[in-house]
Amino acid sequence: MRITLYVSDGCAACEQVLQYFKQKDVAYEVINVTFDQVKFDQMLREGGIATPFIVLNGRAFHVFDRDKIEAFLNSSK
């Protein structure tokens, strides 16, 4: 499974997302868009408008909804 987490500095919800995926012990890519316009534009192209923006196998999650993400992860096994 490909997991991409778009985050920014000072984002409390981003910290929750990072902790969640760390606890899941799965591989993920973190992209910090705080000071990088190219990465921010990449997030926009994928449909994100704010952080945290989570992409799981191409499916976008615009907010950290633990239940929905958990259900998606379980259905993708």
C-alpha atoms as a PDB file:
ATOM      1  CA  MET A   1       0.000   0.000   0.000  1.00  0.00           C
ATOM      2  CA  ARG A   2       1.248   3.466  -0.846  1.00  0.00           C
ATOM      3  CA  ILE A   3       0.648   6.015   1.917  1.00  0.00           C
ATOM      4  CA  THR A   4       1.470   9.701   1.493  1.00  0.00           C
ATOM      5  CA  LEU A   5       0.993  12.180   4.315  1.00  0.00           C
ATOM      6  CA  TYR A   6       1.063  15.878   3.476  1.00  0.00           C
ATOM      7  CA  VAL A   7       1.815  17.864   6.622  1.00  0.00           C
ATOM      8  CA  SER A   8       2.855  21.337   7.721  1.00  0.00           C
ATOM      9  CA  ASP A   9       4.697  22.793  10.684  1.00  0.00           C
ATOM     10  CA  GLY A  10       2.574  23.765  13.677  1.00  0.00           C
ATOM     11  CA  CYS A  11      -0.319  21.522  12.623  1.00  0.00           C
ATOM     12  CA  ALA A  12      -1.692  19.622  15.641  1.00  0.00           C
ATOM     13  CA  ALA A  13      -3.831  17.331  13.469  1.00  0.00           C
ATOM     14  CA  CYS A  14      -0.729  16.522  11.399  1.00  0.00           C
ATOM     15  CA  GLU A  15       1.024  15.360  14.566  1.00  0.00           C
ATOM     16  CA  GLN A  16      -1.941  13.079  15.331  1.00  0.00           C
ATOM     17  CA  VAL A  17      -1.766  11.595  11.833  1.00  0.00           C
ATOM     18  CA  LEU A  18       1.978  10.983  12.130  1.00  0.00           C
ATOM     19  CA  GLN A  19       1.534   9.292  15.525  1.00  0.00           C
ATOM     20  CA  TYR A  20      -1.300   7.130  14.183  1.00  0.00           C
ATOM     21  CA  PHE A  21       0.681   5.813  11.235  1.00  0.00           C
ATOM     22  CA  LYS A  22       3.797   5.342  13.348  1.00  0.00           C
ATOM     23  CA  GLN A  23       1.758   3.165  15.730  1.00  0.00           C
ATOM     24  CA  LYS A  24       0.386   1.200  12.773  1.00  0.00           C
ATOM     25  CA  ASP A  25       3.978   0.304  11.885  1.00  0.00           C
ATOM     26  CA  VAL A  26       3.412   0.735   8.152  1.00  0.00           C
ATOM     27  CA  ALA A  27       5.615   2.428   5.589  1.00  0.00           C
ATOM     28  CA  TYR A  28       4.575   5.932   4.613  1.00  0.00           C
ATOM     29  CA  GLU A  29       5.979   9.001   2.919  1.00  0.00           C
ATOM     30  CA  VAL A  30       5.812  12.355   4.693  1.00  0.00           C
ATOM     31  CA  ILE A  31       5.760  15.494   2.573  1.00  0.00           C
ATOM     32  CA  ASN A  32       6.076  18.753   4.501  1.00  0.00           C
ATOM     33  CA  VAL A  33       4.577  21.572   2.455  1.00  0.00           C
ATOM     34  CA  THR A  34       5.327  24.409   4.889  1.00  0.00           C
ATOM     35  CA  PHE A  35       8.146  26.095   2.970  1.00  0.00           C
ATOM     36  CA  ASP A  36       8.117  24.198  -0.320  1.00  0.00           C
ATOM     37  CA  GLN A  37       5.865  25.618  -3.029  1.00  0.00           C
ATOM     38  CA  VAL A  38       6.569  22.700  -5.391  1.00  0.00           C
ATOM     39  CA  LYS A  39       5.378  20.177  -2.799  1.00  0.00           C
ATOM     40  CA  PHE A  40       2.410  22.370  -1.917  1.00  0.00           C
ATOM     41  CA  ASP A  41       1.443  22.496  -5.602  1.00  0.00           C
ATOM     42  CA  GLN A  42       1.803  18.703  -5.749  1.00  0.00           C
ATOM     43  CA  MET A  43      -0.657  18.424  -2.854  1.00  0.00           C
ATOM     44  CA  LEU A  44      -3.084  20.737  -4.677  1.00  0.00           C
ATOM     45  CA  ARG A  45      -2.841  18.625  -7.858  1.00  0.00           C
ATOM     46  CA  GLU A  46      -3.795  15.552  -5.824  1.00  0.00           C
ATOM     47  CA  GLY A  47      -6.866  17.337  -4.479  1.00  0.00           C
ATOM     48  CA  GLY A  48      -5.592  18.597  -1.132  1.00  0.00           C
ATOM     49  CA  ILE A  49      -6.364  22.080   0.091  1.00  0.00           C
ATOM     50  CA  ALA A  50      -5.056  21.925   3.658  1.00  0.00           C
ATOM     51  CA  THR A  51      -3.014  19.713   5.940  1.00  0.00           C
ATOM     52  CA  PRO A  52      -3.154  17.054   7.001  1.00  0.00           C
ATOM     53  CA  PHE A  53      -3.933  15.592   3.610  1.00  0.00           C
ATOM     54  CA  ILE A  54      -3.700  11.812   3.448  1.00  0.00           C
ATOM     55  CA  VAL A  55      -3.502   9.716   0.284  1.00  0.00           C
ATOM     56  CA  LEU A  56      -3.897   5.950   0.617  1.00  0.00           C
ATOM     57  CA  ASN A  57      -3.424   4.036  -2.627  1.00  0.00           C
ATOM     58  CA  GLY A  58      -4.731   7.030  -4.551  1.00  0.00           C
ATOM     59  CA  ARG A  59      -7.740   7.650  -2.285  1.00  0.00           C
ATOM     60  CA  ALA A  60      -7.726  11.097  -0.684  1.00  0.00           C
ATOM     61  CA  PHE A  61      -8.684  11.840   2.903  1.00  0.00           C
ATOM     62  CA  HIS A  62      -9.027  15.575   3.583  1.00  0.00           C
ATOM     63  CA  VAL A  63      -9.308  15.228   7.350  1.00  0.00           C
ATOM     64  CA  PHE A  64      -7.945  12.757   9.855  1.00  0.00           C
ATOM     65  CA  ASP A  65     -10.968  10.525  10.414  1.00  0.00           C
ATOM     66  CA  ARG A  66      -9.490   7.580  12.299  1.00  0.00           C
ATOM     67  CA  ASP A  67     -12.522   5.333  11.732  1.00  0.00           C
ATOM     68  CA  LYS A  68     -12.648   5.877   7.958  1.00  0.00           C
ATOM     69  CA  ILE A  69      -8.905   5.432   7.589  1.00  0.00           C
ATOM     70  CA  GLU A  70      -8.954   2.302   9.752  1.00  0.00           C
ATOM     71  CA  ALA A  71     -11.787   0.856   7.655  1.00  0.00           C
ATOM     72  CA  PHE A  72      -9.929   1.626   4.430  1.00  0.00           C
ATOM     73  CA  LEU A  73      -6.704   0.061   5.727  1.00  0.00           C
ATOM     74  CA  ASN A  74      -8.558  -3.062   6.847  1.00  0.00           C
ATOM     75  CA  SER A  75     -10.381  -3.402   3.523  1.00  0.00           C
ATOM     76  CA  SER A  76      -7.090  -3.098   1.616  1.00  0.00           C
ATOM     77  CA  LYS A  77      -5.411  -6.067   3.289  1.00  0.00           C
END
